[in-house]
Protein backbone atom coordinates (compact mmCIF):
# COMPACT_ATOMS: atom_id res chain seq x y z
CA MET A 1 -9.53 9.11 6.41
CA ASN A 2 -12.58 10.57 8.09
CA PRO A 3 -15.17 7.75 7.92
CA ARG A 4 -18.67 8.87 7.01
CA HIS A 5 -20.58 5.61 6.76
CA PHE A 6 -21.56 5.08 10.39
CA MET A 7 -25.27 4.82 11.03
CA ARG A 8 -25.21 3.22 14.49
CA PHE A 9 -23.38 4.44 17.59
CA ALA A 10 -22.70 2.59 20.82
CA ALA A 11 -21.00 3.51 24.08
CA ILE A 12 -19.90 0.88 26.60
CA ASP A 13 -19.29 1.72 30.24
CA TRP A 14 -16.71 -0.92 31.15
CA SER A 15 -15.62 -2.84 34.26
CA GLY A 16 -12.44 -4.51 35.43
CA ALA A 17 -14.05 -6.13 38.48
CA LYS A 18 -13.25 -9.69 39.43
CA GLY A 19 -15.79 -12.39 38.62
CA ALA A 20 -17.91 -13.24 35.59
CA ARG A 21 -20.94 -10.92 35.85
CA HIS A 22 -20.55 -7.17 36.10
CA PRO A 23 -23.32 -4.70 36.99
CA GLY A 24 -20.78 -1.99 36.14
CA ILE A 25 -21.02 -2.76 32.42
CA ALA A 26 -23.66 -0.88 30.42
CA LEU A 27 -24.14 -0.78 26.65
CA ALA A 28 -26.18 2.01 25.02
CA LEU A 29 -26.99 2.13 21.31
CA CYS A 30 -28.54 4.69 18.98
CA GLU A 31 -28.89 5.18 15.23
CA THR A 32 -28.74 8.22 12.99
CA GLY A 33 -31.54 10.65 13.73
CA ALA A 34 -32.73 12.10 17.01
CA ALA A 35 -34.02 9.09 18.98
CA ALA A 36 -32.28 8.80 22.33
CA PRO A 37 -29.86 5.92 22.87
CA THR A 38 -31.33 2.88 24.58
CA LEU A 39 -29.72 0.31 26.81
CA ILE A 40 -29.13 -3.08 25.21
CA PRO A 41 -30.24 -5.79 27.64
CA PRO A 42 -27.58 -8.36 28.52
CA PRO A 43 -28.25 -11.87 27.21
CA ARG A 44 -28.17 -13.41 30.68
CA GLY A 45 -29.42 -10.66 32.95
CA VAL A 46 -26.05 -9.02 33.74
CA TRP A 47 -23.27 -8.38 31.24
CA SER A 48 -20.06 -10.36 31.25
CA ARG A 49 -17.01 -9.11 29.39
CA ALA A 50 -17.19 -12.19 27.16
CA ASP A 51 -20.81 -11.33 26.29
CA ILE A 52 -19.68 -7.87 25.18
CA LEU A 53 -16.97 -9.47 23.03
CA HIS A 54 -19.52 -11.77 21.36
CA TRP A 55 -21.94 -8.88 20.81
CA LEU A 56 -19.20 -6.82 19.18
CA ARG A 57 -18.14 -9.63 16.86
CA ASP A 58 -21.76 -9.98 15.75
CA GLN A 59 -21.73 -6.29 14.71
CA ALA A 60 -18.53 -6.50 12.66
CA GLU A 61 -20.21 -5.96 9.28
CA THR A 62 -22.61 -3.25 10.43
CA PRO A 63 -21.93 0.53 10.09
CA LEU A 64 -21.30 0.84 13.84
CA LEU A 65 -18.98 3.19 15.73
CA VAL A 66 -18.51 1.84 19.24
CA GLY A 67 -16.64 3.49 22.09
CA PHE A 68 -15.16 1.71 25.09
CA ASP A 69 -14.47 3.65 28.29
CA PHE A 70 -11.01 2.35 29.16
CA SER A 71 -7.40 3.05 28.16
CA PHE A 72 -6.39 0.90 25.20
CA ALA A 73 -2.70 0.81 26.12
CA PRO A 74 -0.33 1.96 28.87
CA PRO A 75 2.07 4.86 28.33
CA TYR A 76 5.00 3.95 26.10
CA ILE A 77 6.52 7.11 24.64
CA LEU A 78 7.54 8.73 27.94
CA ARG A 79 9.80 5.88 29.11
CA GLY A 80 10.28 3.84 25.95
CA ALA A 81 8.53 0.78 27.42
CA TYR A 82 5.19 -0.27 28.84
CA LEU A 83 6.71 -1.93 31.91
CA PRO A 84 10.35 -0.81 32.12
CA GLY A 85 12.66 -3.64 33.18
CA GLU A 86 10.22 -6.31 32.00
CA ASP A 87 10.67 -7.89 28.57
CA THR A 88 7.43 -6.73 26.99
CA PRO A 89 6.43 -6.10 23.36
CA THR A 90 6.85 -2.67 21.80
CA THR A 91 3.49 -2.30 20.04
CA ALA A 92 0.02 -2.16 21.53
CA ARG A 93 -1.43 -5.13 19.67
CA ALA A 94 1.46 -7.35 20.76
CA PHE A 95 1.18 -6.04 24.31
CA TRP A 96 -2.52 -6.98 24.42
CA GLY A 97 -1.45 -10.55 23.73
CA TYR A 98 1.20 -10.33 26.44
CA VAL A 99 -1.39 -9.24 29.00
CA ASP A 100 -3.74 -12.02 27.93
CA ALA A 101 -0.99 -14.64 28.24
CA HIS A 102 -0.13 -13.48 31.77
CA ALA A 103 -3.66 -13.00 33.12
CA PRO A 104 -5.53 -16.26 33.77
CA ASP A 105 -8.43 -14.46 35.47
CA ALA A 106 -12.04 -15.37 34.73
CA ASP A 107 -14.02 -13.54 32.06
CA LEU A 108 -11.09 -11.66 30.51
CA GLY A 109 -10.19 -10.14 33.87
CA ALA A 110 -6.71 -8.85 34.60
CA ALA A 111 -6.53 -8.13 38.33
CA SER A 112 -3.83 -10.78 38.81
CA PHE A 113 -1.66 -9.07 36.18
CA LEU A 114 -1.58 -5.92 38.30
CA GLU A 115 -1.29 -7.72 41.63
CA ALA A 116 1.74 -9.70 40.45
CA ARG A 117 3.47 -6.39 39.64
CA ARG A 118 2.34 -4.24 42.54
CA GLY A 119 5.04 -1.97 43.87
CA THR A 120 7.07 -2.52 40.71
CA HIS A 121 4.75 -1.11 38.06
CA PHE A 122 1.40 -0.63 39.78
CA TYR A 123 0.29 1.25 42.86
CA LEU A 124 -2.26 -0.73 44.86
CA GLY A 125 -1.67 0.77 48.30
CA ALA A 126 0.64 2.58 50.71
CA ARG A 127 3.04 -0.34 51.07
CA ASP A 128 3.92 0.01 47.37
CA GLY A 129 5.77 3.27 47.99
CA THR A 130 5.10 6.84 46.94
CA LYS A 131 2.06 7.08 44.69
CA ALA A 132 3.54 9.95 42.68
CA ASP A 133 6.29 7.62 41.45
CA PHE A 134 3.69 5.59 39.52
CA LEU A 135 1.95 8.47 37.77
CA HIS A 136 3.09 8.08 34.17
CA PHE A 137 0.83 9.25 31.34
CA ARG A 138 0.21 8.69 27.65
CA ARG A 139 0.68 11.51 25.17
CA CYS A 140 -3.08 11.98 24.69
CA GLU A 141 -3.56 12.35 28.46
CA ALA A 142 -0.73 14.87 28.70
CA HIS A 143 -2.19 16.76 25.72
CA HIS A 144 -5.66 16.76 27.28
CA ASN A 145 -4.27 18.04 30.59
CA ALA A 146 -2.16 20.75 28.94
CA ALA A 147 -5.29 22.05 27.21
CA GLY A 148 -6.84 22.64 30.64
CA PHE A 149 -9.37 19.81 30.68
CA GLY A 150 -8.41 18.44 34.05
CA LYS A 151 -6.13 15.96 35.76
CA PRO A 152 -5.81 12.68 33.82
CA SER A 153 -5.75 9.21 35.33
CA THR A 154 -3.10 6.59 34.69
CA VAL A 155 -3.36 2.83 34.25
CA TYR A 156 -0.56 2.35 36.80
CA ASP A 157 -2.74 3.69 39.64
CA ALA A 158 -5.11 0.97 40.84
CA ILE A 159 -6.49 2.78 43.89
CA GLY A 160 -9.59 4.93 44.19
CA ALA A 161 -12.99 5.26 42.55
CA ALA A 162 -11.57 7.09 39.51
CA GLN A 163 -8.88 4.51 38.71
CA VAL A 164 -9.03 2.86 35.32
CA ALA A 165 -6.26 0.30 35.80
CA LYS A 166 -8.10 -3.01 36.18
CA ALA A 167 -10.74 -2.04 33.62
CA SER A 168 -8.09 -1.05 31.09
CA PHE A 169 -6.04 -4.24 31.33
CA ALA A 170 -9.23 -6.33 31.17
CA GLY A 171 -10.13 -4.29 28.11
CA MET A 172 -6.75 -5.04 26.53
CA ARG A 173 -7.55 -8.72 26.86
CA LEU A 174 -10.86 -8.13 25.08
CA LEU A 175 -9.09 -6.25 22.28
CA HIS A 176 -6.62 -9.12 21.91
CA HIS A 177 -9.46 -11.64 21.56
CA LEU A 178 -11.28 -9.35 19.15
CA GLY A 179 -8.21 -9.59 16.93
CA ARG A 180 -8.79 -8.22 13.43
CA ASP A 181 -12.54 -8.90 13.46
CA VAL A 182 -13.22 -5.18 13.98
CA PRO A 183 -10.71 -2.35 13.36
CA VAL A 184 -9.50 -0.57 16.49
CA TRP A 185 -8.63 3.07 15.82
CA PRO A 186 -5.94 4.47 15.69
CA PHE A 187 -3.96 1.22 15.86
CA ASP A 188 -5.84 0.37 12.66
CA SER A 189 -6.94 2.82 10.00
CA ALA A 190 -10.53 3.95 10.25
CA PRO A 191 -12.57 1.71 7.93
CA GLY A 192 -14.71 2.77 5.00
CA ALA A 193 -17.34 0.14 5.82
CA GLY A 194 -18.36 -1.99 8.79
CA ALA A 195 -17.77 -1.43 12.48
CA CYS A 196 -14.96 0.42 14.23
CA VAL A 197 -13.85 0.55 17.88
CA VAL A 198 -12.55 3.73 19.52
CA GLU A 199 -11.51 4.68 23.03
CA ILE A 200 -13.82 7.16 24.73
CA TYR A 201 -13.79 9.14 27.96
CA THR A 202 -17.28 9.65 29.31
CA THR A 203 -16.29 12.85 31.10
CA ILE A 204 -15.65 14.48 27.70
CA ALA A 205 -19.29 13.86 26.79
CA ALA A 206 -20.47 15.17 30.15
CA ARG A 207 -18.45 18.39 29.81
CA ALA A 208 -19.67 18.89 26.23
CA ALA A 209 -23.24 18.56 27.51
CA GLY A 210 -22.63 21.34 30.03
CA VAL A 211 -22.40 19.13 33.09
CA ARG A 212 -19.99 21.06 35.29
CA LYS A 213 -16.85 19.62 36.82
CA GLY A 214 -17.54 17.67 39.99
CA LEU A 215 -21.06 16.77 38.86
CA SER A 216 -20.27 14.45 35.95
CA LYS A 217 -22.72 11.77 37.00
CA LEU A 218 -26.37 12.09 36.01
CA ARG A 219 -28.72 10.34 38.38
CA ASP A 220 -32.17 11.65 37.49
CA PRO A 221 -34.25 11.63 34.29
CA ALA A 222 -34.63 15.41 33.93
CA ALA A 223 -30.87 16.01 34.12
CA LEU A 224 -30.23 13.25 31.60
CA ASP A 225 -32.77 14.65 29.12
CA LEU A 226 -31.33 18.14 29.50
CA ALA A 227 -27.85 16.81 28.72
CA LEU A 228 -29.09 14.72 25.79
CA ALA A 229 -30.80 17.74 24.26
CA THR A 230 -27.43 19.48 23.85
CA PHE A 231 -26.55 16.74 21.35
CA GLY A 232 -29.83 17.03 19.45
CA SER A 233 -31.30 13.96 21.10
CA ALA A 234 -34.92 13.39 22.01
CA PRO A 235 -35.74 12.46 25.64
CA HIS A 236 -34.74 8.99 26.75
CA VAL A 237 -36.95 6.03 27.51
CA PRO A 238 -37.36 5.97 31.33
CA LEU A 239 -35.02 3.60 33.15
CA THR A 240 -35.83 1.29 36.02
CA VAL A 241 -32.62 2.32 37.79
CA TYR A 242 -30.59 5.45 37.11
CA SER A 243 -27.09 4.16 37.71
CA ASP A 244 -23.96 6.08 36.75
CA HIS A 245 -23.08 3.27 34.34
CA ALA A 246 -26.38 3.48 32.49
CA THR A 247 -26.54 7.25 32.19
CA ASP A 248 -22.85 7.51 31.20
CA ALA A 249 -23.41 5.02 28.39
CA ILE A 250 -26.61 6.71 27.16
CA LEU A 251 -25.16 10.23 27.16
CA THR A 252 -21.87 9.17 25.58
CA ALA A 253 -23.59 7.25 22.78
CA ALA A 254 -25.51 10.43 21.93
CA TRP A 255 -22.27 12.44 22.04
CA LEU A 256 -20.59 9.91 19.75
CA ARG A 257 -23.39 10.21 17.21
CA ALA A 258 -23.19 14.01 17.31
CA ASN A 259 -19.41 14.07 16.84
CA ALA A 260 -18.63 11.08 14.62
CA LEU A 261 -17.93 13.23 11.55
CA ARG A 262 -15.58 15.73 13.16
CA GLU A 263 -12.35 15.72 11.19
CA GLU A 264 -10.24 16.95 14.11
CA PHE A 265 -11.26 13.95 16.21
CA TRP A 266 -10.04 11.52 13.55
CA ARG A 267 -6.91 13.55 12.79
CA PRO A 268 -5.60 15.02 16.07
CA GLN A 269 -2.58 17.18 15.34
CA ALA A 270 -0.55 15.62 18.15
CA LEU A 271 -1.22 12.03 17.05
CA THR A 272 1.92 10.62 15.41
CA ALA A 273 2.42 7.24 13.78
CA GLN A 274 4.49 6.08 16.76
CA ILE A 275 1.78 7.10 19.23
CA ALA A 276 -0.85 5.40 17.05
CA ARG A 277 0.88 2.01 17.16
CA THR A 278 2.06 2.11 20.79
CA GLU A 279 -0.38 4.13 22.93
CA GLY A 280 -3.42 4.97 20.86
CA TRP A 281 -5.60 8.03 21.39
CA THR A 282 -8.90 8.95 22.99
CA PHE A 283 -11.58 9.87 20.44
CA GLY A 284 -12.68 13.42 21.20
CA ILE A 285 -9.27 14.79 22.21
CA SER A 286 -8.04 17.00 19.42
């Protein structure tokens, strides 16, 4: 089903950093119409992951489409397991619980989960072996790459500024604690009412806005307004600080609003039932 009831759209730039307060988290929200997305202020000055979880639960009954910028599951199809050789579940929802049970880190963090498996499943540095041996990808990432949209990242690579590993496993803990309070597409069917969570990739929004490869980050107000205009958005309310996290969230929320009704994004041809229950899919990859 292609849901058509959404009237509010949120994008969350996520963080897997250690600790309990994360300047790397930004939440931008907009409603139907042309007003630019605005940043939602954190309840205690700086967002925690738990604060985001509580905010999301509070929105469960509202017509909200919310995108999180992390991978919702590791690759499964390619090797027939999330962590080959380890007795892990075979569906994403069950795996989220497995990660949560094996990651005692503060504020839904998951760094210890990766560190305990470095060199076996995760690459955290040269002593772990050859990095190429850890580069396994989900079907949506392989599909995106085959279509010529650039080199994907993998949750098994925990090195470098572009890595999504720690953020993704922390996000899996959040999804586990969210439970069935809000549907998570495509693991759950898209709802006909209320909120829905999807995985997003902020670079897709940047490319759609005409921001060329290598310059995905918008750090000044004029560039942000120019990008927003491509999605039919009015200029944004000036920010105190133009961080990558803030501008990514604002631009991607506008992109989500502009693309929420696209049938091909809800029904990607390459998305099978097995992929939907094990790996998920990034909204915007068709």
